[in-house]
C-alpha atoms as a PDB file:
ATOM      1  CA  MET A   1      -0.203  -0.130  -0.099  1.00  0.00           C
ATOM      2  CA  ILE A   2       2.903   2.515   0.891  1.00  0.00           C
ATOM      3  CA  ASN A   3       4.748   1.673  -2.108  1.00  0.00           C
ATOM      4  CA  THR A   4       1.652   2.502  -4.127  1.00  0.00           C
ATOM      5  CA  LEU A   5       1.131   5.581  -2.392  1.00  0.00           C
ATOM      6  CA  ILE A   6       4.822   6.697  -3.045  1.00  0.00           C
ATOM      7  CA  ALA A   7       4.676   5.839  -6.533  1.00  0.00           C
ATOM      8  CA  ARG A   8       1.385   7.895  -7.046  1.00  0.00           C
ATOM      9  CA  VAL A   9       3.193  10.856  -5.331  1.00  0.00           C
ATOM     10  CA  VAL A  10       6.484  10.426  -7.766  1.00  0.00           C
ATOM     11  CA  ASP A  11       3.505  10.702 -10.923  1.00  0.00           C
ATOM     12  CA  LEU A  12       1.764  13.528  -9.609  1.00  0.00           C
ATOM     13  CA  ILE A  13       5.314  15.331  -9.595  1.00  0.00           C
ATOM     14  CA  SER A  14       6.213  14.070 -12.920  1.00  0.00           C
ATOM     15  CA  LEU A  15       3.093  15.635 -14.271  1.00  0.00           C
ATOM     16  CA  ALA A  16       3.707  18.743 -12.547  1.00  0.00           C
ATOM     17  CA  HIS A  17       7.159  19.052 -14.223  1.00  0.00           C
ATOM     18  CA  ALA A  18       5.740  18.436 -17.403  1.00  0.00           C
ATOM     19  CA  ARG A  19       2.909  20.588 -17.600  1.00  0.00           C
ATOM     20  CA  LYS A  20       4.527  23.413 -20.000  1.00  0.00           C
ATOM     21  CA  GLY A  21       6.295  20.808 -21.894  1.00  0.00           C
ATOM     22  CA  PHE A  22       9.988  19.883 -22.057  1.00  0.00           C
ATOM     23  CA  GLU A  23      12.868  20.116 -24.726  1.00  0.00           C
ATOM     24  CA  TYR A  24      14.985  17.186 -25.399  1.00  0.00           C
ATOM     25  CA  ILE A  25      18.604  18.036 -25.609  1.00  0.00           C
ATOM     26  CA  ALA A  26      21.001  15.325 -27.367  1.00  0.00           C
ATOM     27  CA  ASP A  27      23.581  17.835 -29.123  1.00  0.00           C
ATOM     28  CA  THR A  28      26.133  20.316 -28.302  1.00  0.00           C
ATOM     29  CA  ALA A  29      24.222  23.586 -29.123  1.00  0.00           C
ATOM     30  CA  ALA A  30      22.964  25.844 -26.546  1.00  0.00           C
ATOM     31  CA  HIS A  31      19.180  25.919 -25.586  1.00  0.00           C
ATOM     32  CA  GLU A  32      17.587  28.929 -24.170  1.00  0.00           C
ATOM     33  CA  GLY A  33      14.702  29.544 -22.353  1.00  0.00           C
ATOM     34  CA  SER A  34      13.121  29.373 -19.069  1.00  0.00           C
ATOM     35  CA  PHE A  35      13.762  25.774 -17.429  1.00  0.00           C
ATOM     36  CA  HIS A  36      13.193  24.741 -13.975  1.00  0.00           C
ATOM     37  CA  VAL A  37      14.348  21.184 -14.034  1.00  0.00           C
ATOM     38  CA  ILE A  38      17.022  19.408 -15.827  1.00  0.00           C
ATOM     39  CA  GLU A  39      16.799  15.496 -16.208  1.00  0.00           C
ATOM     40  CA  ALA A  40      19.537  13.237 -17.134  1.00  0.00           C
ATOM     41  CA  ILE A  41      18.246  10.700 -19.458  1.00  0.00           C
ATOM     42  CA  THR A  42      21.990   9.168 -20.056  1.00  0.00           C
ATOM     43  CA  ASP A  43      24.889  10.178 -18.190  1.00  0.00           C
ATOM     44  CA  ALA A  44      25.376  14.120 -19.202  1.00  0.00           C
ATOM     45  CA  THR A  45      28.049  16.515 -18.853  1.00  0.00           C
ATOM     46  CA  PHE A  46      26.905  20.150 -18.937  1.00  0.00           C
ATOM     47  CA  THR A  47      29.495  22.590 -20.320  1.00  0.00           C
ATOM     48  CA  VAL A  48      27.251  25.590 -19.551  1.00  0.00           C
ATOM     49  CA  PRO A  49      24.352  24.609 -17.439  1.00  0.00           C
ATOM     50  CA  GLY A  50      22.874  28.058 -17.406  1.00  0.00           C
ATOM     51  CA  THR A  51      22.129  30.626 -14.698  1.00  0.00           C
ATOM     52  CA  VAL A  52      20.783  29.501 -11.376  1.00  0.00           C
ATOM     53  CA  SER A  53      18.610  32.821 -11.189  1.00  0.00           C
ATOM     54  CA  ALA A  54      17.182  32.060  -7.742  1.00  0.00           C
ATOM     55  CA  ALA A  55      20.392  32.084  -6.341  1.00  0.00           C
ATOM     56  CA  GLY A  56      22.099  34.274  -8.526  1.00  0.00           C
ATOM     57  CA  ASP A  57      24.962  32.139  -9.063  1.00  0.00           C
ATOM     58  CA  ASN A  58      26.087  30.181 -12.225  1.00  0.00           C
ATOM     59  CA  LEU A  59      26.898  26.677 -11.621  1.00  0.00           C
ATOM     60  CA  PRO A  60      30.240  25.218 -12.609  1.00  0.00           C
ATOM     61  CA  ASN A  61      31.680  24.166 -15.966  1.00  0.00           C
ATOM     62  CA  ALA A  62      31.586  20.368 -16.637  1.00  0.00           C
ATOM     63  CA  LEU A  63      28.954  19.396 -14.102  1.00  0.00           C
ATOM     64  CA  ILE A  64      27.982  15.879 -14.381  1.00  0.00           C
ATOM     65  CA  LEU A  65      24.469  14.342 -13.988  1.00  0.00           C
ATOM     66  CA  THR A  66      24.077  10.462 -13.773  1.00  0.00           C
ATOM     67  CA  ALA A  67      21.193   9.112 -15.744  1.00  0.00           C
ATOM     68  CA  GLY A  68      17.974   9.820 -14.000  1.00  0.00           C
ATOM     69  CA  SER A  69      19.009  12.660 -11.798  1.00  0.00           C
ATOM     70  CA  ARG A  70      17.366  15.791 -11.742  1.00  0.00           C
ATOM     71  CA  LEU A  71      18.652  19.613 -11.087  1.00  0.00           C
ATOM     72  CA  TYR A  72      16.182  22.001 -10.008  1.00  0.00           C
ATOM     73  CA  GLY A  73      16.474  25.744 -10.191  1.00  0.00           C
ATOM     74  CA  ASN A  74      15.782  28.512 -12.708  1.00  0.00           C
ATOM     75  CA  PHE A  75      17.918  27.983 -15.728  1.00  0.00           C
ATOM     76  CA  SER A  76      18.489  30.329 -18.486  1.00  0.00           C
ATOM     77  CA  ALA A  77      20.532  28.178 -20.660  1.00  0.00           C
ATOM     78  CA  ILE A  78      21.745  24.621 -21.074  1.00  0.00           C
ATOM     79  CA  LYS A  79      24.504  23.545 -23.249  1.00  0.00           C
ATOM     80  CA  LEU A  80      25.876  19.788 -23.030  1.00  0.00           C
ATOM     81  CA  ALA A  81      29.211  18.402 -23.835  1.00  0.00           C
ATOM     82  CA  SER A  82      27.738  14.864 -23.809  1.00  0.00           C
ATOM     83  CA  GLY A  83      24.878  12.863 -23.024  1.00  0.00           C
ATOM     84  CA  THR A  84      21.206  13.582 -23.335  1.00  0.00           C
ATOM     85  CA  ALA A  85      18.553  15.341 -21.177  1.00  0.00           C
ATOM     86  CA  LEU A  86      15.126  16.658 -20.588  1.00  0.00           C
ATOM     87  CA  ALA A  87      14.961  20.742 -19.996  1.00  0.00           C
ATOM     88  CA  TYR A  88      11.272  21.287 -18.701  1.00  0.00           C
ATOM     89  CA  HIS A  89       9.819  24.537 -19.299  1.00  0.00           C
ATOM     90  CA  SER A  90       8.852  27.000 -16.493  1.00  0.00           C
END
């Protein structure tokens, strides 16, 4: 029962992230926009992860997210060096 409840909560959170759509990123081009979650589909290395406007800081270069990991914040630009990711629009 508790596992079913946890699974349902995870499903609801996932739906909330995707309500405004997402951008699939599998190249090394800069992707600009307003994003609130970055999810690594495969292990992903970000050369310029973007600006976390809530904190006013840039994330470090060469940030690595393992497959399935999520990074939350306010991102204005995302650029991969390798891997694939979903960037959820805010």
